[in-house]
Every structure is written in C-alpha cells, then in structure tokens.
C-alpha cells in the first residue's frame, strides 16, 4: 500500500485500534491457483507477538484453508471510516478554485503467514473470546454456553480456525491532512451537515487529525 508522508500513522497502536474497531477483514491469501479473497471477522490478540496475532475461522466447506501455502504471506485489510470529500466544502474554491474532490479513509493492512487450525479446544476458546468481544455492548450478552452443547459441538466440526501472526502492520489515515486549515474546517462542517453516521465518523477523524491525534 502506498502511504504518503502526510497520511502515515506514526504508531502501530493506532492500526491495532482500527482493527479492533472494524474487525471484519478482507483477507487475501496466495494459493496454488492464484490469490484467494475472503471476508472474515478477526479477533486481535495483542499479547501474542510484537504486533499481535489475528484469530478467526472459516467454514470447513471453504477451500481456502486447504490452499494455504507455507511461508507465503497473506494480507488482511481492515477498513475504517471513509467518505467522499467534495471541494464545495472548501473556502479555497471561492478564493482561487484550485481544488478537486478527494476521498478520505482510514485503513490498516496486516501482513503475515496464515495457518489453518483444526484443534477443537483452540476453536472453542477463540469463539468464546470473539463472541465476548462483540456481545459486550448488548444489554443481555449472549454466550456460547447459552446454546445446547451438542449444537455447538456440531458447529465446531463445521469450521476451521485461521491464525495469522502479524509480521508487518501498516496504517494509513487520509483525513485531509494535506489541505489548508480553512478547507479542513470546511470538510468537518460539510460532513457534519450530511447527518449520516458514516459522515459523522469521518468528521470526527478529521477533527482528531487536526488536533494531532491519529486514533480512529
């Protein structure tokens, strides 16, 4: 991924935070038949390795786990807030007109060698942890043990674990950092006026970037 000096995230911790906030990863893995793409919700285990380890699972019917090539790197792309930015929000448009549209976004790319895991205990532990993370905001969090044991056992046999120790983690934050301050303020106001959840999220990202904070 190309990252200009304006948009580079200075600390991998910001990229980790994005992964945890937007855990559905676009996983691209090499195989003997070429690149294979899948979308997988990953759990980031920060305690394993300097950059953390991604844990997830796929259906046993999905051939990706049988096609993984030893020692060949995968990349998992995590997409954070994103939004089209119109130059109509820029005061510079009225001053000199030398402005064009752009697209703001925050992403994190995790690189590492993926391996398939068939161990039932590993799978059960991963699913319990993954569920706990995503159920934590519910008024009555669902737990794996809420379902009949034989039902869960059957489902466990239908999936395969995926583990990717992160060897390289690249974060990119494109939040109008290379625009004039007045145009960045105009971008925040324009996004806020759109009234959508996505636009509000990007407005907050642009504001934080102006204050020197890169977290998303």
C-alpha atoms as a PDB file:
ATOM      1  CA  UNK A   1       0.000   0.000   0.000  1.00  0.00           C
ATOM      2  CA  UNK A   2       1.329   3.422  -0.922  1.00  0.00           C
ATOM      3  CA  UNK A   3       1.417   5.787   2.048  1.00  0.00           C
ATOM      4  CA  UNK A   4       2.489   9.409   1.637  1.00  0.00           C
ATOM      5  CA  UNK A   5       4.230  11.282   4.447  1.00  0.00           C
ATOM      6  CA  UNK A   6       1.013  13.193   5.168  1.00  0.00           C
ATOM      7  CA  UNK A   7      -1.042  10.051   5.716  1.00  0.00           C
ATOM      8  CA  UNK A   8       1.334   7.685   7.510  1.00  0.00           C
ATOM      9  CA  UNK A   9       0.326   6.596  11.000  1.00  0.00           C
ATOM     10  CA  UNK A  10       3.281   7.041  13.305  1.00  0.00           C
ATOM     11  CA  UNK A  11       2.451   4.259  15.758  1.00  0.00           C
ATOM     12  CA  UNK A  12       1.233   0.724  15.063  1.00  0.00           C
ATOM     13  CA  UNK A  13      -1.040   1.011  18.108  1.00  0.00           C
ATOM     14  CA  UNK A  14      -3.394   3.198  16.034  1.00  0.00           C
ATOM     15  CA  UNK A  15      -3.564   0.471  13.396  1.00  0.00           C
ATOM     16  CA  UNK A  16      -4.329  -2.091  16.103  1.00  0.00           C
ATOM     17  CA  UNK A  17      -7.112   0.125  17.421  1.00  0.00           C
ATOM     18  CA  UNK A  18      -8.639   0.342  13.949  1.00  0.00           C
ATOM     19  CA  UNK A  19      -8.591  -3.459  13.637  1.00  0.00           C
ATOM     20  CA  UNK A  20     -10.424  -3.790  16.943  1.00  0.00           C
ATOM     21  CA  UNK A  21     -12.978  -1.134  15.989  1.00  0.00           C
ATOM     22  CA  UNK A  22     -13.566  -2.539  12.462  1.00  0.00           C
ATOM     23  CA  UNK A  23     -12.744  -6.264  12.781  1.00  0.00           C
ATOM     24  CA  UNK A  24     -14.216  -7.526   9.501  1.00  0.00           C
ATOM     25  CA  UNK A  25     -11.061  -8.049   7.461  1.00  0.00           C
ATOM     26  CA  UNK A  26     -10.683  -8.530   3.710  1.00  0.00           C
ATOM     27  CA  UNK A  27      -8.216 -11.427   3.783  1.00  0.00           C
ATOM     28  CA  UNK A  28      -6.215 -12.057   0.608  1.00  0.00           C
ATOM     29  CA  UNK A  29      -4.158 -15.249   0.623  1.00  0.00           C
ATOM     30  CA  UNK A  30      -1.928 -16.836  -2.012  1.00  0.00           C
ATOM     31  CA  UNK A  31      -2.774 -20.300  -3.272  1.00  0.00           C
ATOM     32  CA  UNK A  32      -1.612 -22.642  -5.987  1.00  0.00           C
ATOM     33  CA  UNK A  33      -4.429 -21.246  -8.125  1.00  0.00           C
ATOM     34  CA  UNK A  34      -3.677 -17.564  -7.504  1.00  0.00           C
ATOM     35  CA  UNK A  35      -4.947 -15.090  -4.944  1.00  0.00           C
ATOM     36  CA  UNK A  36      -7.977 -16.026  -2.850  1.00  0.00           C
ATOM     37  CA  UNK A  37     -10.080 -13.361  -1.096  1.00  0.00           C
ATOM     38  CA  UNK A  38     -12.406 -13.851   1.882  1.00  0.00           C
ATOM     39  CA  UNK A  39     -14.082 -11.563   4.400  1.00  0.00           C
ATOM     40  CA  UNK A  40     -13.513 -12.740   7.960  1.00  0.00           C
ATOM     41  CA  UNK A  41     -14.231 -11.156  11.372  1.00  0.00           C
ATOM     42  CA  UNK A  42     -10.915 -11.368  13.204  1.00  0.00           C
ATOM     43  CA  UNK A  43     -10.003 -11.160  16.866  1.00  0.00           C
ATOM     44  CA  UNK A  44      -6.732  -9.331  17.513  1.00  0.00           C
ATOM     45  CA  UNK A  45      -4.702 -10.917  20.317  1.00  0.00           C
ATOM     46  CA  UNK A  46      -2.278  -8.139  21.255  1.00  0.00           C
ATOM     47  CA  UNK A  47      -0.462 -10.372  23.745  1.00  0.00           C
ATOM     48  CA  UNK A  48       0.939 -12.651  21.047  1.00  0.00           C
ATOM     49  CA  UNK A  49       3.896 -11.180  19.166  1.00  0.00           C
ATOM     50  CA  UNK A  50       5.139  -7.587  18.919  1.00  0.00           C
ATOM     51  CA  UNK A  51       2.320  -6.592  16.573  1.00  0.00           C
ATOM     52  CA  UNK A  52      -0.301  -9.102  17.726  1.00  0.00           C
ATOM     53  CA  UNK A  53      -1.922 -12.160  16.150  1.00  0.00           C
ATOM     54  CA  UNK A  54      -5.158 -12.361  14.181  1.00  0.00           C
ATOM     55  CA  UNK A  55      -7.531 -15.183  15.100  1.00  0.00           C
ATOM     56  CA  UNK A  56     -10.584 -16.198  13.100  1.00  0.00           C
ATOM     57  CA  UNK A  57     -12.372 -19.058  11.410  1.00  0.00           C
ATOM     58  CA  UNK A  58     -13.866 -20.094   8.091  1.00  0.00           C
ATOM     59  CA  UNK A  59     -16.344 -22.727   7.033  1.00  0.00           C
ATOM     60  CA  UNK A  60     -14.799 -26.145   6.525  1.00  0.00           C
ATOM     61  CA  UNK A  61     -16.522 -26.086   3.125  1.00  0.00           C
ATOM     62  CA  UNK A  62     -14.437 -23.041   2.166  1.00  0.00           C
ATOM     63  CA  UNK A  63     -11.375 -24.401   0.309  1.00  0.00           C
ATOM     64  CA  UNK A  64      -9.136 -21.500   1.369  1.00  0.00           C
ATOM     65  CA  UNK A  65      -7.794 -23.375   4.396  1.00  0.00           C
ATOM     66  CA  UNK A  66      -6.630 -26.277   2.212  1.00  0.00           C
ATOM     67  CA  UNK A  67      -4.934 -23.951  -0.283  1.00  0.00           C
ATOM     68  CA  UNK A  68      -2.673 -22.013   2.096  1.00  0.00           C
ATOM     69  CA  UNK A  69       0.970 -22.037   1.079  1.00  0.00           C
ATOM     70  CA  UNK A  70       3.570 -22.470   3.817  1.00  0.00           C
ATOM     71  CA  UNK A  71       5.856 -19.427   4.244  1.00  0.00           C
ATOM     72  CA  UNK A  72       3.776 -17.319   1.830  1.00  0.00           C
ATOM     73  CA  UNK A  73       2.379 -14.114   3.258  1.00  0.00           C
ATOM     74  CA  UNK A  74      -1.271 -13.142   3.402  1.00  0.00           C
ATOM     75  CA  UNK A  75      -2.579  -9.624   3.848  1.00  0.00           C
ATOM     76  CA  UNK A  76      -5.715  -8.709   5.778  1.00  0.00           C
ATOM     77  CA  UNK A  77      -7.168  -5.267   5.015  1.00  0.00           C
ATOM     78  CA  UNK A  78      -9.305  -3.540   7.625  1.00  0.00           C
ATOM     79  CA  UNK A  79     -11.454  -0.607   6.506  1.00  0.00           C
ATOM     80  CA  UNK A  80     -12.264   2.164   8.974  1.00  0.00           C
ATOM     81  CA  UNK A  81     -14.297   5.340   8.360  1.00  0.00           C
ATOM     82  CA  UNK A  82     -14.377   6.543   4.745  1.00  0.00           C
ATOM     83  CA  UNK A  83     -16.130   9.302   2.850  1.00  0.00           C
ATOM     84  CA  UNK A  84     -16.156  11.249  -0.400  1.00  0.00           C
ATOM     85  CA  UNK A  85     -14.957  14.834   0.085  1.00  0.00           C
ATOM     86  CA  UNK A  86     -16.369  17.496  -2.232  1.00  0.00           C
ATOM     87  CA  UNK A  87     -14.378  20.670  -2.966  1.00  0.00           C
ATOM     88  CA  UNK A  88     -17.660  22.517  -2.497  1.00  0.00           C
ATOM     89  CA  UNK A  89     -16.890  22.451   1.223  1.00  0.00           C
ATOM     90  CA  UNK A  90     -13.605  24.307   0.742  1.00  0.00           C
ATOM     91  CA  UNK A  91     -13.430  28.099   1.183  1.00  0.00           C
ATOM     92  CA  UNK A  92     -10.484  27.869  -1.240  1.00  0.00           C
ATOM     93  CA  UNK A  93     -12.964  27.033  -4.007  1.00  0.00           C
ATOM     94  CA  UNK A  94     -14.313  30.583  -3.821  1.00  0.00           C
ATOM     95  CA  UNK A  95     -10.860  32.149  -3.395  1.00  0.00           C
ATOM     96  CA  UNK A  96      -8.927  30.599  -6.279  1.00  0.00           C
ATOM     97  CA  UNK A  97     -10.755  27.479  -7.492  1.00  0.00           C
ATOM     98  CA  UNK A  98      -7.622  25.331  -7.420  1.00  0.00           C
ATOM     99  CA  UNK A  99      -9.286  22.437  -5.600  1.00  0.00           C
ATOM    100  CA  UNK A 100     -10.509  18.977  -6.592  1.00  0.00           C
ATOM    101  CA  UNK A 101     -12.560  16.184  -4.992  1.00  0.00           C
ATOM    102  CA  UNK A 102     -10.877  13.524  -2.899  1.00  0.00           C
ATOM    103  CA  UNK A 103     -11.687  10.552  -0.705  1.00  0.00           C
ATOM    104  CA  UNK A 104     -10.826  10.314   2.979  1.00  0.00           C
ATOM    105  CA  UNK A 105     -10.352   6.970   4.692  1.00  0.00           C
ATOM    106  CA  UNK A 106      -8.599   5.071   7.446  1.00  0.00           C
ATOM    107  CA  UNK A 107      -7.234   1.577   6.856  1.00  0.00           C
ATOM    108  CA  UNK A 108      -4.877  -0.960   8.379  1.00  0.00           C
ATOM    109  CA  UNK A 109      -3.104  -3.736   6.469  1.00  0.00           C
ATOM    110  CA  UNK A 110      -1.809  -6.721   8.455  1.00  0.00           C
ATOM    111  CA  UNK A 111       0.746  -8.990   6.787  1.00  0.00           C
ATOM    112  CA  UNK A 112       1.690 -12.481   7.954  1.00  0.00           C
ATOM    113  CA  UNK A 113       1.746 -16.189   7.150  1.00  0.00           C
ATOM    114  CA  UNK A 114      -1.662 -17.763   7.762  1.00  0.00           C
ATOM    115  CA  UNK A 115      -2.133 -21.274   9.064  1.00  0.00           C
ATOM    116  CA  UNK A 116      -5.202 -23.447   9.454  1.00  0.00           C
ATOM    117  CA  UNK A 117      -6.031 -24.919  12.877  1.00  0.00           C
ATOM    118  CA  UNK A 118      -8.209 -27.990  13.409  1.00  0.00           C
ATOM    119  CA  UNK A 119      -7.842 -28.202  17.184  1.00  0.00           C
ATOM    120  CA  UNK A 120     -11.314 -28.164  18.814  1.00  0.00           C
ATOM    121  CA  UNK A 121     -10.091 -26.623  22.077  1.00  0.00           C
ATOM    122  CA  UNK A 122      -8.410 -23.773  20.163  1.00  0.00           C
ATOM    123  CA  UNK A 123     -11.562 -23.190  18.133  1.00  0.00           C
ATOM    124  CA  UNK A 124     -13.826 -23.181  21.177  1.00  0.00           C
ATOM    125  CA  UNK A 125     -11.600 -20.738  23.049  1.00  0.00           C
ATOM    126  CA  UNK A 126     -11.381 -18.423  20.022  1.00  0.00           C
ATOM    127  CA  UNK A 127     -15.152 -18.434  19.504  1.00  0.00           C
ATOM    128  CA  UNK A 128     -15.806 -17.751  23.187  1.00  0.00           C
ATOM    129  CA  UNK A 129     -13.413 -14.785  23.107  1.00  0.00           C
ATOM    130  CA  UNK A 130     -14.700 -13.465  19.778  1.00  0.00           C
ATOM    131  CA  UNK A 131     -18.287 -13.673  20.985  1.00  0.00           C
ATOM    132  CA  UNK A 132     -17.487 -11.972  24.299  1.00  0.00           C
ATOM    133  CA  UNK A 133     -15.931  -9.003  22.488  1.00  0.00           C
ATOM    134  CA  UNK A 134     -18.881  -8.423  20.181  1.00  0.00           C
ATOM    135  CA  UNK A 135     -21.593  -9.174  22.738  1.00  0.00           C
ATOM    136  CA  UNK A 136     -20.101  -6.832  25.339  1.00  0.00           C
ATOM    137  CA  UNK A 137     -22.301  -3.918  24.251  1.00  0.00           C
ATOM    138  CA  UNK A 138     -25.544  -5.916  24.465  1.00  0.00           C
ATOM    139  CA  UNK A 139     -27.866  -5.478  27.423  1.00  0.00           C
ATOM    140  CA  UNK A 140     -28.005  -9.262  27.843  1.00  0.00           C
ATOM    141  CA  UNK A 141     -24.803 -10.596  26.249  1.00  0.00           C
ATOM    142  CA  UNK A 142     -25.156 -13.951  24.530  1.00  0.00           C
ATOM    143  CA  UNK A 143     -22.601 -16.606  25.479  1.00  0.00           C
ATOM    144  CA  UNK A 144     -21.559 -19.749  23.665  1.00  0.00           C
ATOM    145  CA  UNK A 145     -22.784 -21.758  26.647  1.00  0.00           C
ATOM    146  CA  UNK A 146     -26.294 -20.359  26.115  1.00  0.00           C
ATOM    147  CA  UNK A 147     -26.708 -22.775  23.194  1.00  0.00           C
ATOM    148  CA  UNK A 148     -27.074 -26.559  23.644  1.00  0.00           C
ATOM    149  CA  UNK A 149     -23.665 -28.234  23.975  1.00  0.00           C
ATOM    150  CA  UNK A 150     -24.320 -30.766  21.230  1.00  0.00           C
ATOM    151  CA  UNK A 151     -25.367 -27.974  18.865  1.00  0.00           C
ATOM    152  CA  UNK A 152     -22.111 -26.080  19.483  1.00  0.00           C
ATOM    153  CA  UNK A 153     -20.092 -29.291  19.099  1.00  0.00           C
ATOM    154  CA  UNK A 154     -21.687 -29.864  15.699  1.00  0.00           C
ATOM    155  CA  UNK A 155     -20.906 -26.322  14.578  1.00  0.00           C
ATOM    156  CA  UNK A 156     -17.298 -26.600  15.758  1.00  0.00           C
ATOM    157  CA  UNK A 157     -16.813 -29.570  13.457  1.00  0.00           C
ATOM    158  CA  UNK A 158     -18.027 -27.431  10.559  1.00  0.00           C
ATOM    159  CA  UNK A 159     -15.371 -24.717  10.883  1.00  0.00           C
ATOM    160  CA  UNK A 160     -11.594 -24.405  10.689  1.00  0.00           C
ATOM    161  CA  UNK A 161      -9.512 -21.923  12.659  1.00  0.00           C
ATOM    162  CA  UNK A 162      -7.274 -19.344  10.997  1.00  0.00           C
ATOM    163  CA  UNK A 163      -4.283 -17.841  12.789  1.00  0.00           C
ATOM    164  CA  UNK A 164      -2.099 -15.060  11.346  1.00  0.00           C
ATOM    165  CA  UNK A 165       0.805 -13.783  13.448  1.00  0.00           C
ATOM    166  CA  UNK A 166       1.277 -10.190  12.251  1.00  0.00           C
ATOM    167  CA  UNK A 167       4.773  -9.626  10.878  1.00  0.00           C
ATOM    168  CA  UNK A 168       4.094  -6.218   9.337  1.00  0.00           C
ATOM    169  CA  UNK A 169       1.324  -3.756  10.169  1.00  0.00           C
ATOM    170  CA  UNK A 170       0.746  -0.676   8.015  1.00  0.00           C
ATOM    171  CA  UNK A 171      -1.756   2.004   8.906  1.00  0.00           C
ATOM    172  CA  UNK A 172      -2.914   4.829   6.645  1.00  0.00           C
ATOM    173  CA  UNK A 173      -5.030   7.779   7.696  1.00  0.00           C
ATOM    174  CA  UNK A 174      -6.177  10.046   4.877  1.00  0.00           C
ATOM    175  CA  UNK A 175      -8.051  12.760   6.745  1.00  0.00           C
ATOM    176  CA  UNK A 176      -7.398  15.962   4.772  1.00  0.00           C
ATOM    177  CA  UNK A 177      -4.004  16.445   6.479  1.00  0.00           C
ATOM    178  CA  UNK A 178      -2.508  17.943   3.304  1.00  0.00           C
ATOM    179  CA  UNK A 179      -5.277  20.504   2.847  1.00  0.00           C
ATOM    180  CA  UNK A 180      -5.315  24.117   4.064  1.00  0.00           C
ATOM    181  CA  UNK A 181      -6.674  24.550   7.582  1.00  0.00           C
ATOM    182  CA  UNK A 182      -9.700  26.507   6.382  1.00  0.00           C
ATOM    183  CA  UNK A 183     -10.558  23.696   3.973  1.00  0.00           C
ATOM    184  CA  UNK A 184     -10.154  21.090   6.691  1.00  0.00           C
ATOM    185  CA  UNK A 185     -12.575  23.048   8.863  1.00  0.00           C
ATOM    186  CA  UNK A 186     -14.917  23.261   5.888  1.00  0.00           C
ATOM    187  CA  UNK A 187     -14.670  19.497   5.452  1.00  0.00           C
ATOM    188  CA  UNK A 188     -15.669  18.908   9.069  1.00  0.00           C
ATOM    189  CA  UNK A 189     -18.647  21.243   8.724  1.00  0.00           C
ATOM    190  CA  UNK A 190     -19.713  19.689   5.420  1.00  0.00           C
ATOM    191  CA  UNK A 191     -19.520  16.151   6.751  1.00  0.00           C
ATOM    192  CA  UNK A 192     -21.425  17.089   9.895  1.00  0.00           C
ATOM    193  CA  UNK A 193     -24.179  18.660   7.797  1.00  0.00           C
ATOM    194  CA  UNK A 194     -24.721  15.405   5.890  1.00  0.00           C
ATOM    195  CA  UNK A 195     -26.285  13.923   9.001  1.00  0.00           C
ATOM    196  CA  UNK A 196     -25.239  10.322   8.425  1.00  0.00           C
ATOM    197  CA  UNK A 197     -23.412   8.061  10.863  1.00  0.00           C
ATOM    198  CA  UNK A 198     -20.604   7.458   8.376  1.00  0.00           C
ATOM    199  CA  UNK A 199     -20.107  11.177   7.666  1.00  0.00           C
ATOM    200  CA  UNK A 200     -20.111  11.954  11.388  1.00  0.00           C
ATOM    201  CA  UNK A 201     -17.443   9.310  11.968  1.00  0.00           C
ATOM    202  CA  UNK A 202     -15.202  10.815   9.291  1.00  0.00           C
ATOM    203  CA  UNK A 203     -15.800  14.352  10.610  1.00  0.00           C
ATOM    204  CA  UNK A 204     -14.503  13.159  13.986  1.00  0.00           C
ATOM    205  CA  UNK A 205     -11.461  11.580  12.336  1.00  0.00           C
ATOM    206  CA  UNK A 206     -10.615  14.833  10.522  1.00  0.00           C
ATOM    207  CA  UNK A 207     -11.021  16.798  13.759  1.00  0.00           C
ATOM    208  CA  UNK A 208      -8.739  14.422  15.646  1.00  0.00           C
ATOM    209  CA  UNK A 209      -6.141  14.618  12.878  1.00  0.00           C
ATOM    210  CA  UNK A 210      -6.197  18.428  13.169  1.00  0.00           C
ATOM    211  CA  UNK A 211      -5.534  18.156  16.892  1.00  0.00           C
ATOM    212  CA  UNK A 212      -2.621  15.811  16.305  1.00  0.00           C
ATOM    213  CA  UNK A 213      -4.425  12.629  17.371  1.00  0.00           C
ATOM    214  CA  UNK A 214      -4.454   9.771  14.894  1.00  0.00           C
ATOM    215  CA  UNK A 215      -6.695   7.272  16.647  1.00  0.00           C
ATOM    216  CA  UNK A 216      -9.868   6.228  14.825  1.00  0.00           C
END
